[in-house]
């Protein structure tokens, strides 16, 4: 029996496997904040976040950040609130150049616990948001527990996002959390 190779490296964590991205995986951000949820595969302290642009570059950027939220409660039973555990500084160059991969340091190191549920956030406040690399899904299934994607209409990354404020999303973006 041949086992499929793991998409996880021995350091850092992918939040959506690049293996299953369509060849035309450009997706337009529907709200200032988009969330892709994931489960940590190991305990790890990380210091950087990475995301990929595919397609249109951003323009007229006011605010652009990456963040990581922990999910409160059992995600199989309840749609939990989110608590910000890491964020990058505002960087208007994110998604505004021809670069495909954008890696930014977080303001402080952050810890993930194996089996814990988290969400990576991308914030873009711009006249034109950069298209992200990822998959389109029916937004009606994004909030089925455990939630896999969401949107938040906010001008910055809030410290706490109430579950009732998370909207449906047809967008799963790919990113990597790095040491």
Protein backbone atom coordinates (compact mmCIF):
# COMPACT_ATOMS: atom_id res chain seq x y z
CA UNK A 1 0.00 0.00 0.00
CA UNK A 2 1.38 3.42 -0.96
CA UNK A 3 0.69 6.18 1.52
CA UNK A 4 0.03 9.69 0.30
CA UNK A 5 2.85 11.98 1.48
CA UNK A 6 1.96 14.36 4.26
CA UNK A 7 1.36 17.94 3.21
CA UNK A 8 2.77 19.08 6.52
CA UNK A 9 6.47 19.78 6.88
CA UNK A 10 8.24 19.02 10.14
CA UNK A 11 8.01 22.73 11.09
CA UNK A 12 5.13 25.12 10.52
CA UNK A 13 1.61 24.23 9.38
CA UNK A 14 -0.36 24.55 6.16
CA UNK A 15 -3.95 25.59 6.66
CA UNK A 16 -5.18 24.29 3.30
CA UNK A 17 -3.30 21.74 1.23
CA UNK A 18 -1.77 23.11 -1.96
CA UNK A 19 -2.20 19.61 -3.37
CA UNK A 20 -5.91 20.15 -3.97
CA UNK A 21 -5.92 23.68 -5.38
CA UNK A 22 -7.47 24.10 -8.82
CA UNK A 23 -5.22 25.42 -11.58
CA UNK A 24 -7.26 28.63 -11.62
CA UNK A 25 -7.38 29.10 -7.86
CA UNK A 26 -7.86 32.88 -7.78
CA UNK A 27 -10.52 34.02 -5.36
CA UNK A 28 -11.77 37.51 -4.61
CA UNK A 29 -12.13 38.52 -0.98
CA UNK A 30 -15.83 39.14 -0.20
CA UNK A 31 -15.33 41.15 3.05
CA UNK A 32 -12.47 42.99 4.75
CA UNK A 33 -11.64 39.90 6.85
CA UNK A 34 -11.71 36.33 5.55
CA UNK A 35 -11.09 33.32 7.78
CA UNK A 36 -9.94 29.80 6.96
CA UNK A 37 -10.19 27.38 9.87
CA UNK A 38 -7.76 24.54 10.61
CA UNK A 39 -6.79 22.04 13.30
CA UNK A 40 -3.21 22.13 14.58
CA UNK A 41 -1.32 18.91 13.89
CA UNK A 42 1.26 19.36 16.67
CA UNK A 43 2.31 21.66 19.52
CA UNK A 44 4.47 24.40 18.09
CA UNK A 45 5.63 27.96 18.69
CA UNK A 46 5.49 30.01 15.49
CA UNK A 47 6.55 33.54 14.48
CA UNK A 48 5.47 34.15 10.88
CA UNK A 49 2.42 33.90 8.62
CA UNK A 50 2.34 33.37 4.88
CA UNK A 51 -0.34 33.65 2.20
CA UNK A 52 -0.40 33.56 -1.58
CA UNK A 53 -1.71 35.96 -4.20
CA UNK A 54 -3.07 34.56 -7.44
CA UNK A 55 -4.48 36.92 -10.03
CA UNK A 56 -5.32 40.57 -9.43
CA UNK A 57 -2.94 42.64 -7.28
CA UNK A 58 -4.37 44.89 -4.57
CA UNK A 59 -4.55 48.65 -5.07
CA UNK A 60 -5.38 51.61 -2.85
CA UNK A 61 -4.53 49.61 0.27
CA UNK A 62 -5.28 51.26 3.61
CA UNK A 63 -4.84 48.22 5.86
CA UNK A 64 -3.47 44.75 5.17
CA UNK A 65 -2.65 42.22 7.90
CA UNK A 66 -2.53 38.51 8.66
CA UNK A 67 -3.72 37.06 11.96
CA UNK A 68 -4.40 33.83 13.82
CA UNK A 69 -7.40 33.24 16.10
CA UNK A 70 -8.06 30.43 18.55
CA UNK A 71 -11.59 29.00 18.56
CA UNK A 72 -13.32 28.93 21.95
CA UNK A 73 -15.24 25.77 22.87
CA UNK A 74 -15.76 22.45 21.12
CA UNK A 75 -16.09 23.23 17.38
CA UNK A 76 -18.01 19.97 16.80
CA UNK A 77 -20.82 21.17 19.07
CA UNK A 78 -20.79 24.96 19.07
CA UNK A 79 -19.78 27.72 16.68
CA UNK A 80 -17.24 29.32 19.03
CA UNK A 81 -16.05 32.88 19.43
CA UNK A 82 -12.54 33.69 18.20
CA UNK A 83 -9.67 35.18 20.22
CA UNK A 84 -6.74 36.85 18.43
CA UNK A 85 -3.45 35.14 19.37
CA UNK A 86 -1.14 36.55 16.67
CA UNK A 87 -1.11 39.35 14.13
CA UNK A 88 1.27 41.03 11.74
CA UNK A 89 1.82 44.76 11.52
CA UNK A 90 -0.12 46.72 8.91
CA UNK A 91 1.66 46.34 5.56
CA UNK A 92 0.00 47.93 2.49
CA UNK A 93 2.43 46.05 0.20
CA UNK A 94 0.75 42.71 0.97
CA UNK A 95 -0.77 41.46 -2.30
CA UNK A 96 0.11 44.73 -4.12
CA UNK A 97 3.21 43.52 -5.96
CA UNK A 98 3.86 40.83 -8.54
CA UNK A 99 5.16 38.57 -5.77
CA UNK A 100 3.10 35.43 -5.28
CA UNK A 101 4.14 34.44 -1.75
CA UNK A 102 3.85 36.95 1.09
CA UNK A 103 5.56 36.07 4.40
CA UNK A 104 5.27 38.44 7.35
CA UNK A 105 6.54 38.21 10.94
CA UNK A 106 4.00 38.36 13.73
CA UNK A 107 4.27 41.03 16.42
CA UNK A 108 5.08 38.28 18.96
CA UNK A 109 5.60 34.50 18.89
CA UNK A 110 2.44 32.41 19.31
CA UNK A 111 1.71 28.84 20.39
CA UNK A 112 -0.53 26.26 18.76
CA UNK A 113 -1.65 23.10 20.59
CA UNK A 114 -2.07 19.79 18.77
CA UNK A 115 -5.76 19.17 18.13
CA UNK A 116 -6.67 22.79 18.85
CA UNK A 117 -8.98 24.60 16.45
CA UNK A 118 -7.78 27.87 14.91
CA UNK A 119 -8.56 30.29 12.10
CA UNK A 120 -6.09 32.22 9.96
CA UNK A 121 -7.36 35.68 9.03
CA UNK A 122 -6.50 37.90 6.10
CA UNK A 123 -7.51 41.54 6.37
CA UNK A 124 -7.55 43.76 3.27
CA UNK A 125 -9.06 47.23 3.33
CA UNK A 126 -8.43 48.53 -0.19
CA UNK A 127 -10.12 49.94 -3.27
CA UNK A 128 -9.13 46.69 -5.02
CA UNK A 129 -8.33 43.63 -2.90
CA UNK A 130 -5.67 41.23 -4.11
CA UNK A 131 -6.99 37.86 -5.22
CA UNK A 132 -5.98 35.02 -2.93
CA UNK A 133 -4.88 31.53 -3.87
CA UNK A 134 -7.46 29.02 -2.73
CA UNK A 135 -10.75 27.29 -3.48
CA UNK A 136 -14.31 28.46 -3.96
CA UNK A 137 -16.90 26.47 -2.04
CA UNK A 138 -20.66 26.85 -1.60
CA UNK A 139 -20.93 29.49 1.15
CA UNK A 140 -23.88 27.60 2.64
CA UNK A 141 -21.53 24.83 3.85
CA UNK A 142 -18.82 27.09 5.28
CA UNK A 143 -20.56 27.37 8.63
CA UNK A 144 -21.51 23.71 9.06
CA UNK A 145 -19.79 22.56 12.24
CA UNK A 146 -16.91 22.44 12.48
CA UNK A 147 -16.81 25.74 10.57
CA UNK A 148 -14.21 25.84 7.76
CA UNK A 149 -14.49 29.44 6.53
CA UNK A 150 -16.03 32.78 7.38
CA UNK A 151 -16.05 36.53 6.81
CA UNK A 152 -16.10 39.48 9.18
CA UNK A 153 -16.95 43.04 8.26
CA UNK A 154 -14.42 45.03 10.33
CA UNK A 155 -11.73 47.62 9.46
CA UNK A 156 -9.07 45.89 11.57
CA UNK A 157 -8.43 42.54 13.28
CA UNK A 158 -10.56 42.58 16.46
CA UNK A 159 -9.21 41.02 19.67
CA UNK A 160 -12.43 38.99 19.95
CA UNK A 161 -14.80 37.98 17.15
CA UNK A 162 -18.20 36.80 18.36
CA UNK A 163 -19.49 33.74 16.49
CA UNK A 164 -22.71 35.62 15.66
CA UNK A 165 -20.62 38.22 13.77
CA UNK A 166 -19.02 35.64 11.44
CA UNK A 167 -20.71 35.52 8.06
CA UNK A 168 -20.71 32.68 5.54
CA UNK A 169 -17.88 32.51 3.03
CA UNK A 170 -17.43 30.73 -0.25
CA UNK A 171 -13.68 31.22 0.06
CA UNK A 172 -11.00 28.90 1.43
CA UNK A 173 -7.57 30.50 1.05
CA UNK A 174 -4.27 28.70 1.48
CA UNK A 175 -1.62 29.87 3.89
CA UNK A 176 1.26 28.60 5.99
CA UNK A 177 2.13 29.29 9.62
CA UNK A 178 5.90 29.32 10.02
CA UNK A 179 8.51 29.16 12.82
